mmCIF file of all heavy atoms, coordinates in Angstrom:
data_MODEL
# 
_entry.id   MODEL 
# 
loop_
_atom_site.group_PDB 
_atom_site.id 
_atom_site.type_symbol 
_atom_site.label_atom_id 
_atom_site.label_alt_id 
_atom_site.label_comp_id 
_atom_site.label_asym_id 
_atom_site.label_entity_id 
_atom_site.label_seq_id 
_atom_site.pdbx_PDB_ins_code 
_atom_site.Cartn_x 
_atom_site.Cartn_y 
_atom_site.Cartn_z 
_atom_site.occupancy 
_atom_site.B_iso_or_equiv 
_atom_site.pdbx_formal_charge 
_atom_site.auth_seq_id 
_atom_site.auth_comp_id 
_atom_site.auth_asym_id 
_atom_site.auth_atom_id 
_atom_site.pdbx_PDB_model_num 
ATOM 1   N N   . ARG A 1 1  ? 195.127 156.924 -86.511 1.00 0.00 ? 1  ARG A N   1 
ATOM 2   C CA  . ARG A 1 1  ? 193.977 157.273 -85.630 1.00 0.00 ? 1  ARG A CA  1 
ATOM 3   C C   . ARG A 1 1  ? 193.792 156.166 -84.568 1.00 0.00 ? 1  ARG A C   1 
ATOM 4   O O   . ARG A 1 1  ? 193.508 156.480 -83.393 1.00 0.00 ? 1  ARG A O   1 
ATOM 5   C CB  . ARG A 1 1  ? 192.683 157.411 -86.429 1.00 0.00 ? 1  ARG A CB  1 
ATOM 6   C CG  . ARG A 1 1  ? 192.741 158.496 -87.490 1.00 0.00 ? 1  ARG A CG  1 
ATOM 7   C CD  . ARG A 1 1  ? 192.760 159.901 -86.862 1.00 0.00 ? 1  ARG A CD  1 
ATOM 8   N NE  . ARG A 1 1  ? 192.591 160.924 -87.896 1.00 0.00 ? 1  ARG A NE  1 
ATOM 9   C CZ  . ARG A 1 1  ? 193.576 161.477 -88.575 1.00 0.00 ? 1  ARG A CZ  1 
ATOM 10  N NH1 . ARG A 1 1  ? 194.842 161.108 -88.320 1.00 0.00 ? 1  ARG A NH1 1 
ATOM 11  N NH2 . ARG A 1 1  ? 193.376 162.432 -89.486 1.00 0.00 ? 1  ARG A NH2 1 
ATOM 12  N N   . LEU A 1 2  ? 193.958 154.924 -84.972 1.00 0.00 ? 2  LEU A N   1 
ATOM 13  C CA  . LEU A 1 2  ? 193.830 153.778 -84.012 1.00 0.00 ? 2  LEU A CA  1 
ATOM 14  C C   . LEU A 1 2  ? 194.882 153.911 -82.937 1.00 0.00 ? 2  LEU A C   1 
ATOM 15  O O   . LEU A 1 2  ? 194.607 153.766 -81.744 1.00 0.00 ? 2  LEU A O   1 
ATOM 16  C CB  . LEU A 1 2  ? 193.924 152.433 -84.772 1.00 0.00 ? 2  LEU A CB  1 
ATOM 17  C CG  . LEU A 1 2  ? 193.944 151.208 -83.855 1.00 0.00 ? 2  LEU A CG  1 
ATOM 18  C CD1 . LEU A 1 2  ? 192.679 151.137 -83.055 1.00 0.00 ? 2  LEU A CD1 1 
ATOM 19  C CD2 . LEU A 1 2  ? 194.100 149.979 -84.739 1.00 0.00 ? 2  LEU A CD2 1 
ATOM 20  N N   . ALA A 1 3  ? 196.130 154.193 -83.361 1.00 0.00 ? 3  ALA A N   1 
ATOM 21  C CA  . ALA A 1 3  ? 197.242 154.311 -82.390 1.00 0.00 ? 3  ALA A CA  1 
ATOM 22  C C   . ALA A 1 3  ? 196.943 155.474 -81.425 1.00 0.00 ? 3  ALA A C   1 
ATOM 23  O O   . ALA A 1 3  ? 197.151 155.330 -80.222 1.00 0.00 ? 3  ALA A O   1 
ATOM 24  C CB  . ALA A 1 3  ? 198.540 154.558 -83.119 1.00 0.00 ? 3  ALA A CB  1 
ATOM 25  N N   . GLY A 1 4  ? 196.495 156.570 -81.987 1.00 0.00 ? 4  GLY A N   1 
ATOM 26  C CA  . GLY A 1 4  ? 196.153 157.747 -81.130 1.00 0.00 ? 4  GLY A CA  1 
ATOM 27  C C   . GLY A 1 4  ? 195.022 157.412 -80.139 1.00 0.00 ? 4  GLY A C   1 
ATOM 28  O O   . GLY A 1 4  ? 195.071 157.831 -78.971 1.00 0.00 ? 4  GLY A O   1 
ATOM 29  N N   . SER A 1 5  ? 194.034 156.709 -80.592 1.00 0.00 ? 5  SER A N   1 
ATOM 30  C CA  . SER A 1 5  ? 192.930 156.321 -79.725 1.00 0.00 ? 5  SER A CA  1 
ATOM 31  C C   . SER A 1 5  ? 193.386 155.409 -78.627 1.00 0.00 ? 5  SER A C   1 
ATOM 32  O O   . SER A 1 5  ? 192.971 155.521 -77.448 1.00 0.00 ? 5  SER A O   1 
ATOM 33  C CB  . SER A 1 5  ? 191.799 155.645 -80.536 1.00 0.00 ? 5  SER A CB  1 
ATOM 34  O OG  . SER A 1 5  ? 191.308 156.543 -81.542 1.00 0.00 ? 5  SER A OG  1 
ATOM 35  N N   . LEU A 1 6  ? 194.176 154.409 -78.981 1.00 0.00 ? 6  LEU A N   1 
ATOM 36  C CA  . LEU A 1 6  ? 194.742 153.501 -77.948 1.00 0.00 ? 6  LEU A CA  1 
ATOM 37  C C   . LEU A 1 6  ? 195.573 154.270 -76.956 1.00 0.00 ? 6  LEU A C   1 
ATOM 38  O O   . LEU A 1 6  ? 195.465 154.049 -75.708 1.00 0.00 ? 6  LEU A O   1 
ATOM 39  C CB  . LEU A 1 6  ? 195.597 152.447 -78.643 1.00 0.00 ? 6  LEU A CB  1 
ATOM 40  C CG  . LEU A 1 6  ? 194.882 151.387 -79.445 1.00 0.00 ? 6  LEU A CG  1 
ATOM 41  C CD1 . LEU A 1 6  ? 195.859 150.556 -80.254 1.00 0.00 ? 6  LEU A CD1 1 
ATOM 42  C CD2 . LEU A 1 6  ? 194.040 150.479 -78.502 1.00 0.00 ? 6  LEU A CD2 1 
ATOM 43  N N   . TYR A 1 7  ? 196.365 155.239 -77.433 1.00 0.00 ? 7  TYR A N   1 
ATOM 44  C CA  . TYR A 1 7  ? 197.200 156.011 -76.537 1.00 0.00 ? 7  TYR A CA  1 
ATOM 45  C C   . TYR A 1 7  ? 196.361 156.841 -75.573 1.00 0.00 ? 7  TYR A C   1 
ATOM 46  O O   . TYR A 1 7  ? 196.662 156.959 -74.377 1.00 0.00 ? 7  TYR A O   1 
ATOM 47  C CB  . TYR A 1 7  ? 198.099 156.939 -77.341 1.00 0.00 ? 7  TYR A CB  1 
ATOM 48  C CG  . TYR A 1 7  ? 199.515 157.064 -76.797 1.00 0.00 ? 7  TYR A CG  1 
ATOM 49  C CD1 . TYR A 1 7  ? 200.616 157.001 -77.659 1.00 0.00 ? 7  TYR A CD1 1 
ATOM 50  C CD2 . TYR A 1 7  ? 199.772 157.173 -75.419 1.00 0.00 ? 7  TYR A CD2 1 
ATOM 51  C CE1 . TYR A 1 7  ? 201.924 157.084 -77.161 1.00 0.00 ? 7  TYR A CE1 1 
ATOM 52  C CE2 . TYR A 1 7  ? 201.048 157.240 -74.946 1.00 0.00 ? 7  TYR A CE2 1 
ATOM 53  C CZ  . TYR A 1 7  ? 202.120 157.197 -75.798 1.00 0.00 ? 7  TYR A CZ  1 
ATOM 54  O OH  . TYR A 1 7  ? 203.414 157.261 -75.335 1.00 0.00 ? 7  TYR A OH  1 
ATOM 55  N N   . LEU A 1 8  ? 195.299 157.417 -76.078 1.00 0.00 ? 8  LEU A N   1 
ATOM 56  C CA  . LEU A 1 8  ? 194.372 158.213 -75.229 1.00 0.00 ? 8  LEU A CA  1 
ATOM 57  C C   . LEU A 1 8  ? 193.753 157.330 -74.152 1.00 0.00 ? 8  LEU A C   1 
ATOM 58  O O   . LEU A 1 8  ? 193.628 157.763 -72.954 1.00 0.00 ? 8  LEU A O   1 
ATOM 59  C CB  . LEU A 1 8  ? 193.311 158.857 -76.071 1.00 0.00 ? 8  LEU A CB  1 
ATOM 60  C CG  . LEU A 1 8  ? 192.374 159.860 -75.348 1.00 0.00 ? 8  LEU A CG  1 
ATOM 61  C CD1 . LEU A 1 8  ? 193.146 161.001 -74.692 1.00 0.00 ? 8  LEU A CD1 1 
ATOM 62  C CD2 . LEU A 1 8  ? 191.365 160.422 -76.335 1.00 0.00 ? 8  LEU A CD2 1 
ATOM 63  N N   . ILE A 1 9  ? 193.321 156.143 -74.501 1.00 0.00 ? 9  ILE A N   1 
ATOM 64  C CA  . ILE A 1 9  ? 192.780 155.221 -73.538 1.00 0.00 ? 9  ILE A CA  1 
ATOM 65  C C   . ILE A 1 9  ? 193.780 154.864 -72.475 1.00 0.00 ? 9  ILE A C   1 
ATOM 66  O O   . ILE A 1 9  ? 193.511 154.831 -71.267 1.00 0.00 ? 9  ILE A O   1 
ATOM 67  C CB  . ILE A 1 9  ? 192.255 153.938 -74.212 1.00 0.00 ? 9  ILE A CB  1 
ATOM 68  C CG1 . ILE A 1 9  ? 191.031 154.279 -75.138 1.00 0.00 ? 9  ILE A CG1 1 
ATOM 69  C CG2 . ILE A 1 9  ? 191.807 152.880 -73.174 1.00 0.00 ? 9  ILE A CG2 1 
ATOM 70  C CD1 . ILE A 1 9  ? 190.638 153.121 -76.033 1.00 0.00 ? 9  ILE A CD1 1 
ATOM 71  N N   . ILE A 1 10 ? 195.037 154.619 -72.916 1.00 0.00 ? 10 ILE A N   1 
ATOM 72  C CA  . ILE A 1 10 ? 196.088 154.290 -71.981 1.00 0.00 ? 10 ILE A CA  1 
ATOM 73  C C   . ILE A 1 10 ? 196.304 155.435 -70.970 1.00 0.00 ? 10 ILE A C   1 
ATOM 74  O O   . ILE A 1 10 ? 196.386 155.217 -69.755 1.00 0.00 ? 10 ILE A O   1 
ATOM 75  C CB  . ILE A 1 10 ? 197.416 154.012 -72.748 1.00 0.00 ? 10 ILE A CB  1 
ATOM 76  C CG1 . ILE A 1 10 ? 197.291 152.717 -73.490 1.00 0.00 ? 10 ILE A CG1 1 
ATOM 77  C CG2 . ILE A 1 10 ? 198.628 154.024 -71.786 1.00 0.00 ? 10 ILE A CG2 1 
ATOM 78  C CD1 . ILE A 1 10 ? 198.389 152.502 -74.545 1.00 0.00 ? 10 ILE A CD1 1 
ATOM 79  N N   . ILE A 1 11 ? 196.359 156.658 -71.465 1.00 0.00 ? 11 ILE A N   1 
ATOM 80  C CA  . ILE A 1 11 ? 196.590 157.815 -70.566 1.00 0.00 ? 11 ILE A CA  1 
ATOM 81  C C   . ILE A 1 11 ? 195.446 157.972 -69.571 1.00 0.00 ? 11 ILE A C   1 
ATOM 82  O O   . ILE A 1 11 ? 195.643 158.142 -68.362 1.00 0.00 ? 11 ILE A O   1 
ATOM 83  C CB  . ILE A 1 11 ? 196.803 159.077 -71.401 1.00 0.00 ? 11 ILE A CB  1 
ATOM 84  C CG1 . ILE A 1 11 ? 198.122 158.967 -72.162 1.00 0.00 ? 11 ILE A CG1 1 
ATOM 85  C CG2 . ILE A 1 11 ? 196.789 160.316 -70.517 1.00 0.00 ? 11 ILE A CG2 1 
ATOM 86  C CD1 . ILE A 1 11 ? 198.329 160.043 -73.237 1.00 0.00 ? 11 ILE A CD1 1 
ATOM 87  N N   . LEU A 1 12 ? 194.198 157.914 -70.093 1.00 0.00 ? 12 LEU A N   1 
ATOM 88  C CA  . LEU A 1 12 ? 193.054 158.140 -69.204 1.00 0.00 ? 12 LEU A CA  1 
ATOM 89  C C   . LEU A 1 12 ? 192.933 157.029 -68.181 1.00 0.00 ? 12 LEU A C   1 
ATOM 90  O O   . LEU A 1 12 ? 192.654 157.270 -66.988 1.00 0.00 ? 12 LEU A O   1 
ATOM 91  C CB  . LEU A 1 12 ? 191.768 158.200 -70.075 1.00 0.00 ? 12 LEU A CB  1 
ATOM 92  C CG  . LEU A 1 12 ? 191.645 159.441 -70.985 1.00 0.00 ? 12 LEU A CG  1 
ATOM 93  C CD1 . LEU A 1 12 ? 190.387 159.377 -71.827 1.00 0.00 ? 12 LEU A CD1 1 
ATOM 94  C CD2 . LEU A 1 12 ? 191.651 160.716 -70.156 1.00 0.00 ? 12 LEU A CD2 1 
ATOM 95  N N   . CYS A 1 13 ? 193.084 155.755 -68.632 1.00 0.00 ? 13 CYS A N   1 
ATOM 96  C CA  . CYS A 1 13 ? 193.002 154.650 -67.649 1.00 0.00 ? 13 CYS A CA  1 
ATOM 97  C C   . CYS A 1 13 ? 194.129 154.706 -66.654 1.00 0.00 ? 13 CYS A C   1 
ATOM 98  O O   . CYS A 1 13 ? 193.901 154.445 -65.462 1.00 0.00 ? 13 CYS A O   1 
ATOM 99  C CB  . CYS A 1 13 ? 193.044 153.326 -68.414 1.00 0.00 ? 13 CYS A CB  1 
ATOM 100 S SG  . CYS A 1 13 ? 191.530 152.913 -69.307 1.00 0.00 ? 13 CYS A SG  1 
ATOM 101 N N   . GLY A 1 14 ? 195.339 155.043 -67.099 1.00 0.00 ? 14 GLY A N   1 
ATOM 102 C CA  . GLY A 1 14 ? 196.459 155.135 -66.131 1.00 0.00 ? 14 GLY A CA  1 
ATOM 103 C C   . GLY A 1 14 ? 196.282 156.186 -65.154 1.00 0.00 ? 14 GLY A C   1 
ATOM 104 O O   . GLY A 1 14 ? 196.533 155.982 -63.929 1.00 0.00 ? 14 GLY A O   1 
ATOM 105 N N   . LEU A 1 15 ? 195.773 157.356 -65.544 1.00 0.00 ? 15 LEU A N   1 
ATOM 106 C CA  . LEU A 1 15 ? 195.525 158.474 -64.657 1.00 0.00 ? 15 LEU A CA  1 
ATOM 107 C C   . LEU A 1 15 ? 194.431 158.125 -63.610 1.00 0.00 ? 15 LEU A C   1 
ATOM 108 O O   . LEU A 1 15 ? 194.559 158.371 -62.441 1.00 0.00 ? 15 LEU A O   1 
ATOM 109 C CB  . LEU A 1 15 ? 195.161 159.717 -65.408 1.00 0.00 ? 15 LEU A CB  1 
ATOM 110 C CG  . LEU A 1 15 ? 196.285 160.456 -66.132 1.00 0.00 ? 15 LEU A CG  1 
ATOM 111 C CD1 . LEU A 1 15 ? 195.762 161.623 -66.937 1.00 0.00 ? 15 LEU A CD1 1 
ATOM 112 C CD2 . LEU A 1 15 ? 197.322 160.947 -65.122 1.00 0.00 ? 15 LEU A CD2 1 
ATOM 113 N N   . PHE A 1 16 ? 193.366 157.490 -64.125 1.00 0.00 ? 16 PHE A N   1 
ATOM 114 C CA  . PHE A 1 16 ? 192.289 157.108 -63.193 1.00 0.00 ? 16 PHE A CA  1 
ATOM 115 C C   . PHE A 1 16 ? 192.773 156.084 -62.162 1.00 0.00 ? 16 PHE A C   1 
ATOM 116 O O   . PHE A 1 16 ? 192.496 156.181 -60.986 1.00 0.00 ? 16 PHE A O   1 
ATOM 117 C CB  . PHE A 1 16 ? 191.046 156.536 -63.919 1.00 0.00 ? 16 PHE A CB  1 
ATOM 118 C CG  . PHE A 1 16 ? 190.012 156.057 -62.977 1.00 0.00 ? 16 PHE A CG  1 
ATOM 119 C CD1 . PHE A 1 16 ? 189.122 156.971 -62.393 1.00 0.00 ? 16 PHE A CD1 1 
ATOM 120 C CD2 . PHE A 1 16 ? 189.895 154.717 -62.635 1.00 0.00 ? 16 PHE A CD2 1 
ATOM 121 C CE1 . PHE A 1 16 ? 188.194 156.551 -61.484 1.00 0.00 ? 16 PHE A CE1 1 
ATOM 122 C CE2 . PHE A 1 16 ? 188.972 154.289 -61.715 1.00 0.00 ? 16 PHE A CE2 1 
ATOM 123 C CZ  . PHE A 1 16 ? 188.092 155.196 -61.156 1.00 0.00 ? 16 PHE A CZ  1 
ATOM 124 N N   . ALA A 1 17 ? 193.491 155.050 -62.636 1.00 0.00 ? 17 ALA A N   1 
ATOM 125 C CA  . ALA A 1 17 ? 193.945 153.991 -61.753 1.00 0.00 ? 17 ALA A CA  1 
ATOM 126 C C   . ALA A 1 17 ? 194.849 154.584 -60.644 1.00 0.00 ? 17 ALA A C   1 
ATOM 127 O O   . ALA A 1 17 ? 194.759 154.174 -59.489 1.00 0.00 ? 17 ALA A O   1 
ATOM 128 C CB  . ALA A 1 17 ? 194.668 152.905 -62.516 1.00 0.00 ? 17 ALA A CB  1 
ATOM 129 N N   . GLU A 1 18 ? 195.705 155.506 -61.040 1.00 0.00 ? 18 GLU A N   1 
ATOM 130 C CA  . GLU A 1 18 ? 196.654 156.085 -60.071 1.00 0.00 ? 18 GLU A CA  1 
ATOM 131 C C   . GLU A 1 18 ? 196.021 157.142 -59.197 1.00 0.00 ? 18 GLU A C   1 
ATOM 132 O O   . GLU A 1 18 ? 196.101 157.089 -57.956 1.00 0.00 ? 18 GLU A O   1 
ATOM 133 C CB  . GLU A 1 18 ? 197.861 156.667 -60.818 1.00 0.00 ? 18 GLU A CB  1 
ATOM 134 C CG  . GLU A 1 18 ? 198.928 157.267 -59.916 1.00 0.00 ? 18 GLU A CG  1 
ATOM 135 C CD  . GLU A 1 18 ? 199.572 156.278 -58.990 1.00 0.00 ? 18 GLU A CD  1 
ATOM 136 O OE1 . GLU A 1 18 ? 199.704 155.118 -59.369 1.00 0.00 ? 18 GLU A OE1 1 
ATOM 137 O OE2 . GLU A 1 18 ? 199.970 156.662 -57.861 1.00 0.00 ? 18 GLU A OE2 1 
ATOM 138 N N   . VAL A 1 19 ? 195.372 158.121 -59.819 1.00 0.00 ? 19 VAL A N   1 
ATOM 139 C CA  . VAL A 1 19 ? 194.844 159.290 -59.058 1.00 0.00 ? 19 VAL A CA  1 
ATOM 140 C C   . VAL A 1 19 ? 193.449 159.003 -58.517 1.00 0.00 ? 19 VAL A C   1 
ATOM 141 O O   . VAL A 1 19 ? 193.141 159.387 -57.374 1.00 0.00 ? 19 VAL A O   1 
ATOM 142 C CB  . VAL A 1 19 ? 194.831 160.528 -59.955 1.00 0.00 ? 19 VAL A CB  1 
ATOM 143 C CG1 . VAL A 1 19 ? 194.277 161.726 -59.188 1.00 0.00 ? 19 VAL A CG1 1 
ATOM 144 C CG2 . VAL A 1 19 ? 196.251 160.826 -60.452 1.00 0.00 ? 19 VAL A CG2 1 
ATOM 145 N N   . GLY A 1 20 ? 192.610 158.384 -59.314 1.00 0.00 ? 20 GLY A N   1 
ATOM 146 C CA  . GLY A 1 20 ? 191.255 158.134 -58.864 1.00 0.00 ? 20 GLY A CA  1 
ATOM 147 C C   . GLY A 1 20 ? 191.072 156.983 -57.898 1.00 0.00 ? 20 GLY A C   1 
ATOM 148 O O   . GLY A 1 20 ? 190.199 156.996 -57.078 1.00 0.00 ? 20 GLY A O   1 
ATOM 149 N N   . ALA A 1 21 ? 191.964 155.951 -58.049 1.00 0.00 ? 21 ALA A N   1 
ATOM 150 C CA  . ALA A 1 21 ? 191.799 154.777 -57.214 1.00 0.00 ? 21 ALA A CA  1 
ATOM 151 C C   . ALA A 1 21 ? 192.918 154.658 -56.180 1.00 0.00 ? 21 ALA A C   1 
ATOM 152 O O   . ALA A 1 21 ? 192.687 154.845 -54.974 1.00 0.00 ? 21 ALA A O   1 
ATOM 153 C CB  . ALA A 1 21 ? 191.759 153.531 -58.105 1.00 0.00 ? 21 ALA A CB  1 
ATOM 154 N N   . ARG A 1 22 ? 194.132 154.356 -56.604 1.00 0.00 ? 22 ARG A N   1 
ATOM 155 C CA  . ARG A 1 22 ? 195.213 154.052 -55.642 1.00 0.00 ? 22 ARG A CA  1 
ATOM 156 C C   . ARG A 1 22 ? 195.500 155.211 -54.697 1.00 0.00 ? 22 ARG A C   1 
ATOM 157 O O   . ARG A 1 22 ? 195.703 155.003 -53.489 1.00 0.00 ? 22 ARG A O   1 
ATOM 158 C CB  . ARG A 1 22 ? 196.474 153.661 -56.383 1.00 0.00 ? 22 ARG A CB  1 
ATOM 159 C CG  . ARG A 1 22 ? 196.394 152.297 -57.033 1.00 0.00 ? 22 ARG A CG  1 
ATOM 160 C CD  . ARG A 1 22 ? 197.707 151.801 -57.524 1.00 0.00 ? 22 ARG A CD  1 
ATOM 161 N NE  . ARG A 1 22 ? 198.224 152.551 -58.659 1.00 0.00 ? 22 ARG A NE  1 
ATOM 162 C CZ  . ARG A 1 22 ? 197.927 152.242 -59.938 1.00 0.00 ? 22 ARG A CZ  1 
ATOM 163 N NH1 . ARG A 1 22 ? 197.158 151.186 -60.175 1.00 0.00 ? 22 ARG A NH1 1 
ATOM 164 N NH2 . ARG A 1 22 ? 198.416 152.907 -60.920 1.00 0.00 ? 22 ARG A NH2 1 
ATOM 165 N N   . LEU A 1 23 ? 195.508 156.445 -55.170 1.00 0.00 ? 23 LEU A N   1 
ATOM 166 C CA  . LEU A 1 23 ? 195.841 157.558 -54.333 1.00 0.00 ? 23 LEU A CA  1 
ATOM 167 C C   . LEU A 1 23 ? 194.835 157.728 -53.183 1.00 0.00 ? 23 LEU A C   1 
ATOM 168 O O   . LEU A 1 23 ? 195.157 158.230 -52.100 1.00 0.00 ? 23 LEU A O   1 
ATOM 169 C CB  . LEU A 1 23 ? 195.868 158.858 -55.168 1.00 0.00 ? 23 LEU A CB  1 
ATOM 170 C CG  . LEU A 1 23 ? 196.405 160.104 -54.490 1.00 0.00 ? 23 LEU A CG  1 
ATOM 171 C CD1 . LEU A 1 23 ? 197.852 159.934 -54.140 1.00 0.00 ? 23 LEU A CD1 1 
ATOM 172 C CD2 . LEU A 1 23 ? 196.258 161.328 -55.390 1.00 0.00 ? 23 LEU A CD2 1 
ATOM 173 N N   . ASN A 1 24 ? 193.594 157.316 -53.423 1.00 0.00 ? 24 ASN A N   1 
ATOM 174 C CA  . ASN A 1 24 ? 192.553 157.444 -52.429 1.00 0.00 ? 24 ASN A CA  1 
ATOM 175 C C   . ASN A 1 24 ? 192.436 156.273 -51.497 1.00 0.00 ? 24 ASN A C   1 
ATOM 176 O O   . ASN A 1 24 ? 191.735 156.329 -50.468 1.00 0.00 ? 24 ASN A O   1 
ATOM 177 C CB  . ASN A 1 24 ? 191.164 157.677 -53.110 1.00 0.00 ? 24 ASN A CB  1 
ATOM 178 C CG  . ASN A 1 24 ? 191.109 159.051 -53.784 1.00 0.00 ? 24 ASN A CG  1 
ATOM 179 O OD1 . ASN A 1 24 ? 191.388 160.018 -53.217 1.00 0.00 ? 24 ASN A OD1 1 
ATOM 180 N ND2 . ASN A 1 24 ? 190.739 159.013 -55.057 1.00 0.00 ? 24 ASN A ND2 1 
ATOM 181 N N   . LEU A 1 25 ? 193.105 155.153 -51.834 1.00 0.00 ? 25 LEU A N   1 
ATOM 182 C CA  . LEU A 1 25 ? 192.935 153.940 -51.078 1.00 0.00 ? 25 LEU A CA  1 
ATOM 183 C C   . LEU A 1 25 ? 194.167 153.517 -50.287 1.00 0.00 ? 25 LEU A C   1 
ATOM 184 O O   . LEU A 1 25 ? 194.082 152.969 -49.166 1.00 0.00 ? 25 LEU A O   1 
ATOM 185 C CB  . LEU A 1 25 ? 192.527 152.787 -51.995 1.00 0.00 ? 25 LEU A CB  1 
ATOM 186 C CG  . LEU A 1 25 ? 191.187 152.912 -52.646 1.00 0.00 ? 25 LEU A CG  1 
ATOM 187 C CD1 . LEU A 1 25 ? 190.965 151.738 -53.637 1.00 0.00 ? 25 LEU A CD1 1 
ATOM 188 C CD2 . LEU A 1 25 ? 190.070 152.970 -51.624 1.00 0.00 ? 25 LEU A CD2 1 
ATOM 189 N N   . ILE A 1 26 ? 195.350 153.757 -50.831 1.00 0.00 ? 26 ILE A N   1 
ATOM 190 C CA  . ILE A 1 26 ? 196.569 153.146 -50.307 1.00 0.00 ? 26 ILE A CA  1 
ATOM 191 C C   . ILE A 1 26 ? 197.349 154.174 -49.512 1.00 0.00 ? 26 ILE A C   1 
ATOM 192 O O   . ILE A 1 26 ? 197.740 155.202 -50.051 1.00 0.00 ? 26 ILE A O   1 
ATOM 193 C CB  . ILE A 1 26 ? 197.427 152.557 -51.426 1.00 0.00 ? 26 ILE A CB  1 
ATOM 194 C CG1 . ILE A 1 26 ? 196.644 151.509 -52.202 1.00 0.00 ? 26 ILE A CG1 1 
ATOM 195 C CG2 . ILE A 1 26 ? 198.702 151.923 -50.874 1.00 0.00 ? 26 ILE A CG2 1 
ATOM 196 C CD1 . ILE A 1 26 ? 197.343 151.025 -53.473 1.00 0.00 ? 26 ILE A CD1 1 
ATOM 197 N N   . ALA A 1 27 ? 197.635 153.823 -48.257 1.00 0.00 ? 27 ALA A N   1 
ATOM 198 C CA  . ALA A 1 27 ? 198.594 154.546 -47.417 1.00 0.00 ? 27 ALA A CA  1 
ATOM 199 C C   . ALA A 1 27 ? 199.801 153.650 -47.271 1.00 0.00 ? 27 ALA A C   1 
ATOM 200 O O   . ALA A 1 27 ? 199.755 152.695 -46.488 1.00 0.00 ? 27 ALA A O   1 
ATOM 201 C CB  . ALA A 1 27 ? 197.972 154.918 -46.084 1.00 0.00 ? 27 ALA A CB  1 
ATOM 202 N N   . TYR A 1 28 ? 200.882 153.948 -47.990 1.00 0.00 ? 28 TYR A N   1 
ATOM 203 C CA  . TYR A 1 28 ? 202.010 153.036 -48.080 1.00 0.00 ? 28 TYR A CA  1 
ATOM 204 C C   . TYR A 1 28 ? 202.739 152.851 -46.775 1.00 0.00 ? 28 TYR A C   1 
ATOM 205 O O   . TYR A 1 28 ? 203.598 151.941 -46.680 1.00 0.00 ? 28 TYR A O   1 
ATOM 206 C CB  . TYR A 1 28 ? 202.943 153.435 -49.213 1.00 0.00 ? 28 TYR A CB  1 
ATOM 207 C CG  . TYR A 1 28 ? 202.348 153.192 -50.586 1.00 0.00 ? 28 TYR A CG  1 
ATOM 208 C CD1 . TYR A 1 28 ? 201.833 154.221 -51.326 1.00 0.00 ? 28 TYR A CD1 1 
ATOM 209 C CD2 . TYR A 1 28 ? 202.371 151.904 -51.126 1.00 0.00 ? 28 TYR A CD2 1 
ATOM 210 C CE1 . TYR A 1 28 ? 201.295 153.999 -52.602 1.00 0.00 ? 28 TYR A CE1 1 
ATOM 211 C CE2 . TYR A 1 28 ? 201.845 151.638 -52.347 1.00 0.00 ? 28 TYR A CE2 1 
ATOM 212 C CZ  . TYR A 1 28 ? 201.316 152.699 -53.112 1.00 0.00 ? 28 TYR A CZ  1 
ATOM 213 O OH  . TYR A 1 28 ? 200.791 152.453 -54.363 1.00 0.00 ? 28 TYR A OH  1 
ATOM 214 N N   . ASN A 1 29 ? 202.474 153.672 -45.790 1.00 0.00 ? 29 ASN A N   1 
ATOM 215 C CA  . ASN A 1 29 ? 203.122 153.533 -44.483 1.00 0.00 ? 29 ASN A CA  1 
ATOM 216 C C   . ASN A 1 29 ? 202.152 153.081 -43.404 1.00 0.00 ? 29 ASN A C   1 
ATOM 217 O O   . ASN A 1 29 ? 202.474 153.100 -42.211 1.00 0.00 ? 29 ASN A O   1 
ATOM 218 C CB  . ASN A 1 29 ? 203.755 154.851 -44.076 1.00 0.00 ? 29 ASN A CB  1 
ATOM 219 C CG  . ASN A 1 29 ? 202.740 156.008 -43.976 1.00 0.00 ? 29 ASN A CG  1 
ATOM 220 O OD1 . ASN A 1 29 ? 201.612 155.819 -44.410 1.00 0.00 ? 29 ASN A OD1 1 
ATOM 221 N ND2 . ASN A 1 29 ? 203.128 157.126 -43.433 1.00 0.00 ? 29 ASN A ND2 1 
# 
C-alpha cells in the first residue's frame, strides 16, 4: 500500500509539474 501511495503521488505530481506548470509557462522557442 505504501508503494502504491508513493507511486500515485509521483504520477500526480509529475502530471501537475508538466501539464499544470511547465506547459503553461515555457515557450521553448
